[in-house]
N, C-alpha and C. Protein backbone atom coordinates (compact mmCIF):
# COMPACT_ATOMS: atom_id res chain seq x y z
N MET A 1 10.08 -32.59 19.52
CA MET A 1 8.76 -32.98 18.75
C MET A 1 8.99 -33.26 17.49
N THR A 2 8.00 -34.02 16.92
CA THR A 2 8.25 -34.22 15.57
C THR A 2 7.19 -33.74 14.73
N ILE A 3 7.37 -33.57 13.32
CA ILE A 3 6.37 -32.90 12.39
C ILE A 3 5.16 -33.72 12.55
N LYS A 4 5.26 -35.17 12.59
CA LYS A 4 3.94 -35.94 12.68
C LYS A 4 3.16 -35.55 14.12
N TYR A 5 3.94 -35.07 15.22
CA TYR A 5 2.92 -34.88 16.38
C TYR A 5 2.49 -33.45 16.10
N PHE A 6 3.03 -32.41 15.29
CA PHE A 6 2.35 -31.14 14.90
C PHE A 6 1.09 -31.46 13.94
N ILE A 7 1.38 -32.26 13.21
CA ILE A 7 0.38 -32.48 12.03
C ILE A 7 -1.11 -33.12 12.77
N ASN A 8 -0.55 -34.10 13.72
CA ASN A 8 -1.94 -34.74 14.39
C ASN A 8 -2.41 -33.82 15.48
N ALA A 9 -1.62 -32.77 16.04
CA ALA A 9 -2.28 -31.83 17.01
C ALA A 9 -3.26 -30.89 15.90
N ALA A 10 -2.69 -30.38 14.86
CA ALA A 10 -3.37 -29.55 14.01
C ALA A 10 -4.77 -30.11 13.64
N LEU A 11 -4.52 -31.25 13.23
CA LEU A 11 -5.75 -31.97 12.88
C LEU A 11 -6.74 -32.38 13.74
N ALA A 12 -6.43 -32.28 15.16
CA ALA A 12 -7.35 -32.70 16.17
C ALA A 12 -8.05 -31.37 16.21
N LEU A 13 -7.20 -30.07 16.43
CA LEU A 13 -7.87 -28.76 16.61
C LEU A 13 -8.89 -28.41 15.36
N PHE A 14 -8.65 -28.84 14.25
CA PHE A 14 -9.32 -28.62 12.99
C PHE A 14 -10.67 -29.27 13.20
N MET A 15 -10.58 -30.78 13.46
CA MET A 15 -11.75 -31.55 13.68
C MET A 15 -12.73 -30.99 14.85
N ALA A 16 -12.06 -30.61 15.96
CA ALA A 16 -12.75 -30.06 17.13
C ALA A 16 -13.52 -28.59 16.60
N SER A 17 -12.81 -27.69 15.93
CA SER A 17 -13.50 -26.63 15.67
C SER A 17 -14.56 -26.99 14.68
N ILE A 18 -14.52 -28.02 13.90
CA ILE A 18 -15.79 -28.30 12.94
C ILE A 18 -17.02 -28.90 13.70
N ILE A 19 -16.43 -29.59 14.56
CA ILE A 19 -17.48 -30.31 15.48
C ILE A 19 -18.34 -29.16 16.46
N SER A 20 -17.60 -28.18 17.00
CA SER A 20 -18.20 -27.29 17.72
C SER A 20 -18.99 -26.10 17.05
N ALA A 21 -18.46 -26.01 15.71
CA ALA A 21 -19.01 -25.06 14.90
C ALA A 21 -20.34 -25.49 14.40
N CYS A 22 -20.52 -26.62 14.16
CA CYS A 22 -21.76 -27.26 13.46
C CYS A 22 -22.85 -27.42 14.31
N GLY A 23 -22.21 -27.89 15.58
CA GLY A 23 -23.03 -28.30 16.69
C GLY A 23 -24.10 -29.64 16.46
N SER A 24 -23.49 -30.15 15.48
CA SER A 24 -24.38 -31.55 15.24
C SER A 24 -23.36 -32.66 14.98
N ASP A 25 -22.04 -32.75 15.60
CA ASP A 25 -21.54 -33.80 15.30
C ASP A 25 -22.05 -35.11 15.83
N GLN A 26 -22.09 -36.03 14.72
CA GLN A 26 -22.86 -37.23 15.03
C GLN A 26 -22.47 -37.98 16.00
N ALA A 27 -21.20 -38.17 16.52
CA ALA A 27 -20.62 -38.75 17.68
C ALA A 27 -21.10 -38.31 18.82
N ASN A 28 -21.46 -36.77 19.10
CA ASN A 28 -21.90 -36.45 20.26
C ASN A 28 -23.33 -35.91 19.92
N SER A 29 -23.85 -35.96 18.87
CA SER A 29 -25.29 -35.40 18.54
C SER A 29 -26.58 -36.08 19.27
N GLY A 30 -26.19 -37.26 19.89
CA GLY A 30 -27.23 -37.96 20.46
C GLY A 30 -27.82 -38.97 19.37
N ALA A 31 -27.68 -38.88 18.24
CA ALA A 31 -28.11 -39.71 17.44
C ALA A 31 -27.87 -41.18 17.60
N PRO A 32 -28.74 -41.88 18.11
CA PRO A 32 -28.54 -43.04 18.63
C PRO A 32 -28.51 -44.27 17.58
N THR A 33 -27.36 -44.54 16.92
CA THR A 33 -27.18 -45.14 15.64
C THR A 33 -26.82 -46.44 15.89
N GLU A 34 -27.09 -47.43 15.09
CA GLU A 34 -26.77 -48.79 14.99
C GLU A 34 -25.25 -49.07 15.43
N SER A 35 -24.43 -47.92 14.51
CA SER A 35 -23.00 -48.25 14.57
C SER A 35 -22.48 -47.68 16.00
N GLY A 36 -23.28 -47.67 16.94
CA GLY A 36 -22.83 -47.49 18.43
C GLY A 36 -22.65 -46.21 19.18
N LEU A 37 -23.03 -45.31 18.32
CA LEU A 37 -22.94 -43.91 18.84
C LEU A 37 -23.88 -43.64 20.11
N PRO A 38 -23.71 -42.71 20.97
CA PRO A 38 -24.34 -42.66 22.38
C PRO A 38 -25.96 -42.24 21.93
N ALA A 39 -26.92 -42.63 22.93
CA ALA A 39 -28.32 -42.38 22.87
C ALA A 39 -28.37 -41.03 23.63
N PRO A 40 -29.34 -40.06 23.24
CA PRO A 40 -29.31 -38.86 23.83
C PRO A 40 -30.07 -38.91 25.07
N PRO A 41 -30.24 -37.93 25.98
CA PRO A 41 -31.24 -37.82 27.14
C PRO A 41 -32.45 -37.53 26.37
N ALA A 42 -33.47 -38.25 26.52
CA ALA A 42 -34.56 -37.95 25.52
C ALA A 42 -35.95 -38.13 26.21
N LYS A 43 -36.81 -37.33 25.87
CA LYS A 43 -38.33 -37.39 26.44
C LYS A 43 -38.83 -38.83 25.99
N PRO A 44 -39.60 -39.40 26.69
CA PRO A 44 -40.05 -40.72 26.58
C PRO A 44 -40.66 -40.91 25.35
N ASP A 45 -40.72 -42.02 24.43
CA ASP A 45 -41.13 -42.14 23.02
C ASP A 45 -42.49 -42.53 23.37
N ASN A 46 -43.34 -42.01 22.47
CA ASN A 46 -44.70 -42.15 22.63
C ASN A 46 -45.17 -43.57 21.89
N VAL A 47 -44.14 -44.47 21.36
CA VAL A 47 -44.29 -45.57 20.50
C VAL A 47 -43.49 -46.52 21.18
N SER A 48 -43.77 -47.79 21.32
CA SER A 48 -43.19 -49.01 22.01
C SER A 48 -41.87 -49.31 21.12
N SER A 49 -40.89 -49.67 21.67
CA SER A 49 -39.86 -50.20 21.10
C SER A 49 -40.28 -51.22 19.95
N GLN A 50 -41.24 -52.13 20.68
CA GLN A 50 -41.40 -53.45 19.87
C GLN A 50 -42.15 -53.15 18.58
N ASP A 51 -43.12 -52.05 18.76
CA ASP A 51 -43.72 -51.54 17.27
C ASP A 51 -42.97 -50.96 16.53
N LEU A 52 -41.73 -50.36 17.03
CA LEU A 52 -40.77 -49.69 16.01
C LEU A 52 -39.99 -50.70 15.49
N SER A 53 -39.41 -51.61 16.43
CA SER A 53 -38.65 -52.81 15.65
C SER A 53 -39.31 -53.30 14.82
N ALA A 54 -40.65 -53.79 14.84
CA ALA A 54 -41.23 -54.79 14.00
C ALA A 54 -41.36 -53.87 12.58
N GLY A 55 -41.54 -52.51 12.86
CA GLY A 55 -41.90 -51.77 11.61
C GLY A 55 -40.66 -51.56 10.63
N ILE A 56 -39.44 -51.45 11.45
CA ILE A 56 -38.12 -51.27 10.75
C ILE A 56 -37.56 -52.62 10.20
N GLU A 57 -38.08 -53.44 10.87
CA GLU A 57 -37.58 -54.85 10.18
C GLU A 57 -38.59 -55.20 9.06
N ALA A 58 -39.67 -54.69 8.93
CA ALA A 58 -40.62 -54.92 7.96
C ALA A 58 -40.08 -54.13 6.66
N MET A 59 -39.74 -53.14 6.87
CA MET A 59 -39.33 -52.02 5.87
C MET A 59 -37.95 -52.06 5.24
N LYS A 60 -37.04 -52.78 6.30
CA LYS A 60 -35.48 -52.48 5.84
C LYS A 60 -35.19 -53.06 4.39
N THR A 61 -35.90 -53.97 3.92
CA THR A 61 -35.72 -54.62 2.53
C THR A 61 -36.46 -53.53 1.59
N ARG A 62 -37.20 -52.68 1.96
CA ARG A 62 -38.00 -51.94 1.10
C ARG A 62 -37.15 -50.55 0.95
N VAL A 63 -36.15 -50.15 1.36
CA VAL A 63 -35.62 -49.09 1.26
C VAL A 63 -35.10 -49.11 -0.11
N LEU A 64 -35.52 -48.12 -0.91
CA LEU A 64 -34.98 -47.83 -2.26
C LEU A 64 -33.92 -46.95 -2.47
N ARG A 65 -33.90 -45.92 -1.63
CA ARG A 65 -32.98 -45.08 -1.77
C ARG A 65 -32.79 -44.13 -0.62
N THR A 66 -31.55 -43.70 -0.28
CA THR A 66 -31.49 -42.43 0.73
C THR A 66 -30.66 -41.40 0.46
N VAL A 67 -30.73 -40.31 0.67
CA VAL A 67 -29.97 -39.18 0.40
C VAL A 67 -29.23 -38.68 1.96
N ASP A 68 -28.12 -38.48 2.01
CA ASP A 68 -27.50 -38.08 3.20
C ASP A 68 -27.39 -36.57 3.00
N ALA A 69 -27.65 -35.86 4.39
CA ALA A 69 -27.17 -34.73 4.18
C ALA A 69 -26.18 -34.02 4.99
N LEU A 70 -26.45 -33.63 6.31
CA LEU A 70 -25.39 -33.16 7.28
C LEU A 70 -24.98 -34.45 7.73
N ALA A 71 -25.73 -35.40 7.88
CA ALA A 71 -25.03 -36.77 8.48
C ALA A 71 -25.83 -37.93 7.46
N LYS A 72 -25.32 -39.24 7.51
CA LYS A 72 -25.82 -40.17 6.89
C LYS A 72 -27.01 -40.69 7.51
N VAL A 73 -28.13 -40.97 6.45
CA VAL A 73 -29.29 -41.79 6.92
C VAL A 73 -29.10 -42.99 7.24
N GLU A 74 -29.45 -43.43 8.64
CA GLU A 74 -29.19 -44.69 9.02
C GLU A 74 -30.10 -45.30 10.22
N ARG A 75 -30.11 -46.35 10.31
CA ARG A 75 -30.92 -46.94 11.31
C ARG A 75 -30.44 -46.57 12.89
N THR A 76 -31.40 -46.35 13.70
CA THR A 76 -30.77 -45.93 15.07
C THR A 76 -31.01 -47.20 15.95
N ARG A 77 -30.45 -47.19 17.00
CA ARG A 77 -30.77 -48.26 17.97
C ARG A 77 -32.06 -48.27 18.54
N ALA A 78 -32.73 -47.22 18.47
CA ALA A 78 -34.30 -46.95 18.91
C ALA A 78 -35.14 -47.20 18.00
N PHE A 79 -34.62 -48.01 16.86
CA PHE A 79 -35.44 -48.48 15.79
C PHE A 79 -36.09 -47.37 14.80
N ARG A 80 -35.33 -46.40 14.67
CA ARG A 80 -35.87 -45.45 13.58
C ARG A 80 -34.83 -44.87 12.59
N TYR A 81 -34.94 -44.19 11.61
CA TYR A 81 -34.08 -43.96 10.57
C TYR A 81 -33.79 -42.51 11.14
N PHE A 82 -32.46 -42.23 11.38
CA PHE A 82 -31.92 -41.01 11.96
C PHE A 82 -31.70 -40.15 10.48
N MET A 83 -32.03 -38.89 10.38
CA MET A 83 -32.13 -38.11 9.08
C MET A 83 -31.83 -36.65 9.49
N HIS A 84 -30.49 -36.22 9.29
CA HIS A 84 -30.23 -34.81 9.62
C HIS A 84 -29.85 -33.88 8.44
N PRO A 85 -30.51 -32.94 8.19
CA PRO A 85 -30.67 -31.97 7.08
C PRO A 85 -29.51 -31.05 7.03
N SER A 86 -29.27 -30.62 5.90
CA SER A 86 -28.21 -29.43 6.21
C SER A 86 -28.85 -28.33 5.38
N MET A 87 -28.22 -27.14 5.62
CA MET A 87 -28.96 -25.87 5.10
C MET A 87 -29.34 -26.00 3.59
N GLU A 88 -28.33 -26.75 2.79
CA GLU A 88 -28.12 -27.07 1.47
C GLU A 88 -28.88 -27.99 0.94
N LYS A 89 -29.35 -29.19 1.71
CA LYS A 89 -29.73 -30.40 1.30
C LYS A 89 -30.66 -30.95 2.06
N ASP A 90 -31.76 -31.65 1.64
CA ASP A 90 -32.71 -32.33 2.60
C ASP A 90 -32.20 -33.71 2.62
N ALA A 91 -32.45 -34.18 3.84
CA ALA A 91 -31.98 -35.70 3.90
C ALA A 91 -33.49 -36.38 3.53
N VAL A 92 -33.15 -37.55 2.77
CA VAL A 92 -34.35 -38.15 1.91
C VAL A 92 -34.21 -39.97 2.03
N ILE A 93 -35.26 -40.56 2.48
CA ILE A 93 -35.51 -42.03 2.26
C ILE A 93 -36.85 -42.32 1.73
N GLU A 94 -36.65 -43.30 0.87
CA GLU A 94 -37.59 -43.69 -0.24
C GLU A 94 -37.86 -45.00 0.27
N PHE A 95 -39.17 -45.64 0.24
CA PHE A 95 -39.38 -46.93 0.48
C PHE A 95 -40.31 -47.37 -0.58
N ASP A 96 -40.19 -48.46 -0.92
CA ASP A 96 -41.27 -49.65 -2.01
C ASP A 96 -42.04 -50.03 -1.17
N VAL A 97 -43.39 -49.26 -1.30
CA VAL A 97 -44.63 -49.74 -0.68
C VAL A 97 -45.52 -50.59 -1.54
N SER A 98 -45.12 -51.11 -2.66
CA SER A 98 -46.23 -51.92 -3.37
C SER A 98 -46.43 -53.27 -2.80
N GLY A 99 -47.50 -53.46 -2.56
CA GLY A 99 -48.13 -54.71 -1.95
C GLY A 99 -48.66 -54.44 -0.65
N LEU A 100 -48.36 -53.02 -0.05
CA LEU A 100 -48.85 -52.80 1.38
C LEU A 100 -49.94 -51.89 1.33
N SER A 101 -50.80 -51.89 2.20
CA SER A 101 -52.21 -51.14 2.36
C SER A 101 -51.98 -49.83 3.11
N SER A 102 -51.14 -49.96 4.07
CA SER A 102 -50.97 -48.76 5.06
C SER A 102 -49.66 -48.89 5.73
N VAL A 103 -49.21 -47.71 6.18
CA VAL A 103 -48.02 -47.64 7.02
C VAL A 103 -48.38 -46.50 8.18
N THR A 104 -47.68 -46.46 9.13
CA THR A 104 -47.85 -45.23 10.09
C THR A 104 -46.37 -44.85 10.24
N LEU A 105 -46.28 -43.58 10.07
CA LEU A 105 -44.89 -42.55 10.36
C LEU A 105 -45.02 -42.03 11.81
N SER A 106 -43.98 -42.28 12.40
CA SER A 106 -43.80 -41.64 13.80
C SER A 106 -42.36 -40.70 13.59
N PRO A 107 -42.73 -39.58 13.30
CA PRO A 107 -41.60 -38.52 13.34
C PRO A 107 -41.33 -37.96 14.80
N ARG A 108 -39.90 -37.83 14.95
CA ARG A 108 -39.47 -37.33 16.27
C ARG A 108 -38.44 -36.66 16.21
N VAL A 109 -38.14 -35.61 16.87
CA VAL A 109 -36.76 -34.73 17.32
C VAL A 109 -36.32 -35.17 18.72
N ASP A 110 -35.03 -35.41 18.79
CA ASP A 110 -34.46 -35.73 20.16
C ASP A 110 -33.57 -34.66 20.44
N LEU A 111 -33.30 -33.91 21.70
CA LEU A 111 -32.40 -33.10 21.90
C LEU A 111 -31.71 -33.50 23.14
N ASP A 112 -30.44 -33.06 23.31
CA ASP A 112 -29.73 -33.42 24.51
C ASP A 112 -29.92 -31.93 25.60
N ALA A 113 -29.45 -31.90 26.45
CA ALA A 113 -29.34 -30.57 27.71
C ALA A 113 -28.98 -29.28 27.02
N LYS A 114 -28.08 -29.43 26.05
CA LYS A 114 -27.30 -28.33 25.53
C LYS A 114 -28.33 -27.88 24.45
N CYS A 115 -29.00 -28.52 23.62
CA CYS A 115 -29.71 -28.01 22.61
C CYS A 115 -31.01 -27.58 23.19
N MET A 116 -31.35 -28.20 24.49
CA MET A 116 -32.88 -27.91 25.00
C MET A 116 -32.74 -26.27 25.27
N LYS A 117 -31.80 -25.62 25.59
CA LYS A 117 -31.55 -24.41 25.81
C LYS A 117 -32.02 -23.42 24.65
N ASP A 118 -31.72 -23.78 23.40
CA ASP A 118 -31.86 -23.00 22.17
C ASP A 118 -33.21 -23.34 21.74
N PRO A 119 -34.20 -22.35 21.65
CA PRO A 119 -35.66 -22.29 21.14
C PRO A 119 -35.52 -22.81 19.59
N ASN A 120 -34.44 -22.65 18.72
CA ASN A 120 -34.42 -22.71 17.41
C ASN A 120 -33.90 -24.09 16.91
N ALA A 121 -33.38 -24.79 18.15
CA ALA A 121 -32.74 -26.32 17.98
C ALA A 121 -33.84 -27.15 17.59
N GLY A 122 -33.63 -28.21 17.05
CA GLY A 122 -34.48 -29.25 16.77
C GLY A 122 -35.60 -28.84 15.93
N VAL A 123 -35.81 -28.25 15.06
CA VAL A 123 -36.95 -27.94 14.07
C VAL A 123 -36.58 -28.38 12.98
N VAL A 124 -37.61 -29.21 12.07
CA VAL A 124 -37.35 -29.68 10.92
C VAL A 124 -39.00 -29.59 10.30
N GLU A 125 -38.75 -29.50 8.95
CA GLU A 125 -39.98 -29.55 8.13
C GLU A 125 -39.90 -30.99 7.40
N MET A 126 -40.99 -32.16 7.90
CA MET A 126 -40.76 -33.13 7.05
C MET A 126 -41.95 -33.26 6.06
N SER A 127 -41.76 -33.82 4.88
CA SER A 127 -42.56 -34.01 3.73
C SER A 127 -42.59 -35.52 3.60
N TYR A 128 -43.77 -35.86 3.03
CA TYR A 128 -43.65 -37.15 2.76
C TYR A 128 -44.83 -37.20 1.26
N ALA A 129 -44.65 -38.36 0.30
CA ALA A 129 -45.51 -38.14 -0.81
C ALA A 129 -45.60 -39.60 -1.23
N LEU A 130 -46.57 -39.93 -1.76
CA LEU A 130 -46.77 -41.36 -2.51
C LEU A 130 -46.41 -41.14 -3.92
N ASP A 131 -45.68 -41.85 -4.57
CA ASP A 131 -45.47 -41.92 -6.05
C ASP A 131 -44.85 -40.32 -6.31
N ASP A 132 -45.72 -39.86 -7.49
CA ASP A 132 -45.15 -38.53 -7.70
C ASP A 132 -46.20 -37.45 -7.34
N ALA A 133 -46.99 -37.77 -6.22
CA ALA A 133 -47.97 -36.81 -5.88
C ALA A 133 -47.26 -35.50 -4.95
N THR A 134 -48.17 -34.58 -4.87
CA THR A 134 -47.55 -33.27 -4.29
C THR A 134 -47.36 -33.77 -2.63
N PRO A 135 -46.14 -33.26 -2.17
CA PRO A 135 -45.72 -33.82 -0.75
C PRO A 135 -46.69 -33.06 0.20
N THR A 136 -47.05 -33.87 1.24
CA THR A 136 -47.68 -33.30 2.48
C THR A 136 -46.53 -33.01 3.39
N SER A 137 -46.52 -31.63 4.01
CA SER A 137 -45.51 -31.18 4.85
C SER A 137 -45.99 -31.01 6.47
N VAL A 138 -45.27 -31.37 7.08
CA VAL A 138 -45.47 -31.24 8.68
C VAL A 138 -44.38 -30.77 9.40
N LEU A 139 -44.63 -29.51 10.10
CA LEU A 139 -43.48 -29.25 11.01
C LEU A 139 -43.47 -29.94 12.37
N VAL A 140 -42.09 -30.68 12.33
CA VAL A 140 -41.71 -31.19 13.60
C VAL A 140 -40.81 -30.88 14.42
N ASP A 141 -41.07 -30.53 15.85
CA ASP A 141 -40.00 -30.06 16.66
C ASP A 141 -40.02 -30.70 17.92
N ARG A 142 -39.33 -30.42 18.90
CA ARG A 142 -39.01 -31.19 20.15
C ARG A 142 -40.23 -31.71 20.77
N ASP A 143 -41.41 -31.10 20.49
CA ASP A 143 -42.80 -31.46 21.35
C ASP A 143 -43.64 -32.12 20.31
N TYR A 144 -43.41 -32.39 19.20
CA TYR A 144 -44.12 -33.05 18.26
C TYR A 144 -44.23 -34.76 18.70
N ASP A 145 -45.53 -35.07 18.82
CA ASP A 145 -45.84 -36.65 19.22
C ASP A 145 -47.00 -37.20 18.46
N GLN A 146 -47.15 -36.74 17.36
CA GLN A 146 -48.31 -37.44 16.44
C GLN A 146 -47.81 -38.44 15.72
N LEU A 147 -49.00 -39.48 15.33
CA LEU A 147 -48.42 -40.52 14.53
C LEU A 147 -49.39 -40.36 13.15
N LEU A 148 -48.57 -40.57 12.12
CA LEU A 148 -49.25 -40.19 10.56
C LEU A 148 -49.59 -41.21 10.01
N ASP A 149 -51.00 -41.84 9.97
CA ASP A 149 -51.27 -42.95 9.27
C ASP A 149 -51.66 -42.75 7.89
N ILE A 150 -50.86 -43.58 6.97
CA ILE A 150 -50.93 -43.37 5.43
C ILE A 150 -51.49 -44.53 4.69
N GLU A 151 -52.59 -44.45 4.03
CA GLU A 151 -52.85 -45.27 2.93
C GLU A 151 -52.03 -45.49 1.77
N VAL A 152 -51.47 -46.45 1.57
CA VAL A 152 -50.63 -46.58 0.71
C VAL A 152 -51.11 -47.40 -0.73
N ASN A 153 -52.23 -48.15 -0.62
CA ASN A 153 -52.71 -48.69 -1.68
C ASN A 153 -52.63 -48.26 -2.96
N GLN A 154 -52.15 -49.25 -4.07
CA GLN A 154 -52.05 -49.03 -5.21
C GLN A 154 -50.63 -48.01 -5.50
N SER A 155 -50.04 -47.82 -4.54
CA SER A 155 -48.88 -46.84 -4.65
C SER A 155 -47.53 -47.96 -4.75
N LYS A 156 -46.67 -47.23 -5.27
CA LYS A 156 -45.45 -47.68 -5.45
C LYS A 156 -44.22 -47.43 -4.49
N LYS A 157 -44.50 -46.04 -4.09
CA LYS A 157 -43.06 -45.56 -3.48
C LYS A 157 -43.75 -44.31 -2.53
N LEU A 158 -42.98 -44.53 -1.37
CA LEU A 158 -43.26 -43.42 -0.45
C LEU A 158 -41.99 -42.77 -0.08
N THR A 159 -41.75 -41.58 -0.15
CA THR A 159 -40.88 -40.62 -0.11
C THR A 159 -40.66 -39.75 1.17
N VAL A 160 -39.91 -39.78 1.90
CA VAL A 160 -39.97 -38.70 3.20
C VAL A 160 -38.67 -38.03 2.93
N ALA A 161 -38.83 -36.66 3.14
CA ALA A 161 -37.83 -35.90 3.12
C ALA A 161 -37.78 -35.09 4.16
N VAL A 162 -36.73 -34.57 4.94
CA VAL A 162 -36.36 -33.65 6.01
C VAL A 162 -35.83 -32.43 5.86
N ASN A 163 -36.15 -31.27 5.84
CA ASN A 163 -35.29 -29.94 5.67
C ASN A 163 -35.00 -29.44 6.99
N GLN A 164 -34.30 -28.20 6.90
CA GLN A 164 -34.06 -27.65 8.19
C GLN A 164 -35.15 -26.76 8.86
N GLY A 165 -36.24 -26.82 7.97
CA GLY A 165 -37.43 -26.13 8.95
C GLY A 165 -37.46 -24.64 9.04
N ASN A 166 -36.62 -24.21 10.07
CA ASN A 166 -36.85 -22.95 10.45
C ASN A 166 -35.26 -22.12 10.15
N GLY A 167 -34.72 -22.60 9.15
CA GLY A 167 -33.40 -21.48 8.71
C GLY A 167 -32.41 -22.14 9.68
N THR A 168 -32.06 -22.98 10.49
CA THR A 168 -31.06 -23.44 11.20
C THR A 168 -30.91 -24.79 11.23
N VAL A 169 -29.87 -25.41 11.14
CA VAL A 169 -29.69 -26.99 11.24
C VAL A 169 -29.28 -27.26 12.51
N THR A 170 -29.08 -26.41 13.60
CA THR A 170 -28.95 -26.56 14.77
C THR A 170 -29.69 -27.89 15.37
N CYS A 171 -28.87 -28.77 15.98
CA CYS A 171 -29.60 -30.02 16.65
C CYS A 171 -30.72 -30.67 15.98
N ASP A 172 -30.97 -30.63 14.50
CA ASP A 172 -32.11 -31.28 14.00
C ASP A 172 -31.86 -32.85 13.65
N TRP A 173 -31.95 -33.43 15.07
CA TRP A 173 -31.86 -34.80 14.95
C TRP A 173 -33.20 -35.50 15.20
N PHE A 174 -33.47 -35.53 13.59
CA PHE A 174 -34.73 -36.14 13.36
C PHE A 174 -34.68 -37.81 13.16
N GLY A 175 -35.63 -38.30 13.78
CA GLY A 175 -35.65 -39.86 13.82
C GLY A 175 -37.26 -40.39 13.39
N LEU A 176 -37.14 -41.00 12.29
CA LEU A 176 -38.43 -41.37 11.47
C LEU A 176 -38.59 -42.84 11.87
N GLY A 177 -39.86 -43.13 12.56
CA GLY A 177 -40.47 -44.49 12.89
C GLY A 177 -41.03 -44.92 11.97
N VAL A 178 -41.26 -46.21 11.71
CA VAL A 178 -42.36 -46.71 10.73
C VAL A 178 -42.70 -47.91 11.32
N LEU A 179 -44.24 -48.06 11.48
CA LEU A 179 -44.87 -48.92 12.30
C LEU A 179 -46.27 -49.42 11.63
N ASN A 180 -46.89 -50.46 12.09
CA ASN A 180 -48.15 -50.64 11.66
C ASN A 180 -48.07 -50.98 10.02
N VAL A 181 -47.25 -51.72 9.72
CA VAL A 181 -47.01 -51.84 8.20
C VAL A 181 -47.95 -53.04 7.76
N GLN A 182 -48.89 -52.90 7.19
CA GLN A 182 -50.06 -53.60 6.76
C GLN A 182 -49.83 -54.14 5.10
N THR A 183 -50.08 -55.26 4.83
CA THR A 183 -50.04 -55.65 3.48
C THR A 183 -51.48 -55.81 3.14
N GLN A 184 -51.66 -55.77 1.62
CA GLN A 184 -53.00 -55.82 0.81
C GLN A 184 -53.57 -57.21 1.09
């Protein structure tokens, strides 16, 4: 056996321990990203994929900034923005909403069977704010299915931030859908 074999084995064990300790490895997290990661077993979405696709298409050139936390903020195959907070850092996305009159946000948490057993899993606090206004906060868990209609007239920026919500980042697989993008 060569030293290269031992190094590769040690690296594999190290990565496996990180993944299992975190409980949120993106490759196994169920985060259905465009980069080809697997989709989770999920509850039915309350929004049609056509509406989500149209919304993400309308907003894709309006993304001003993202702040990655435990995972990269990225588009999913389910036409949502995957945002996974960490204990130290919120996941953030900012949109240019100038020239728009309204948008609808569709926040959602997806869990796989393993995470469904943990009542603390998949709870986040999402906040959103226009320009520099005081943010509005919403607790989003595995059962949340509300749509948030936001009037953005005269605003330039919509910021959405997601934190760990309940003191744990276990399976906080948050997906932000944007739909009903209306121009002025």
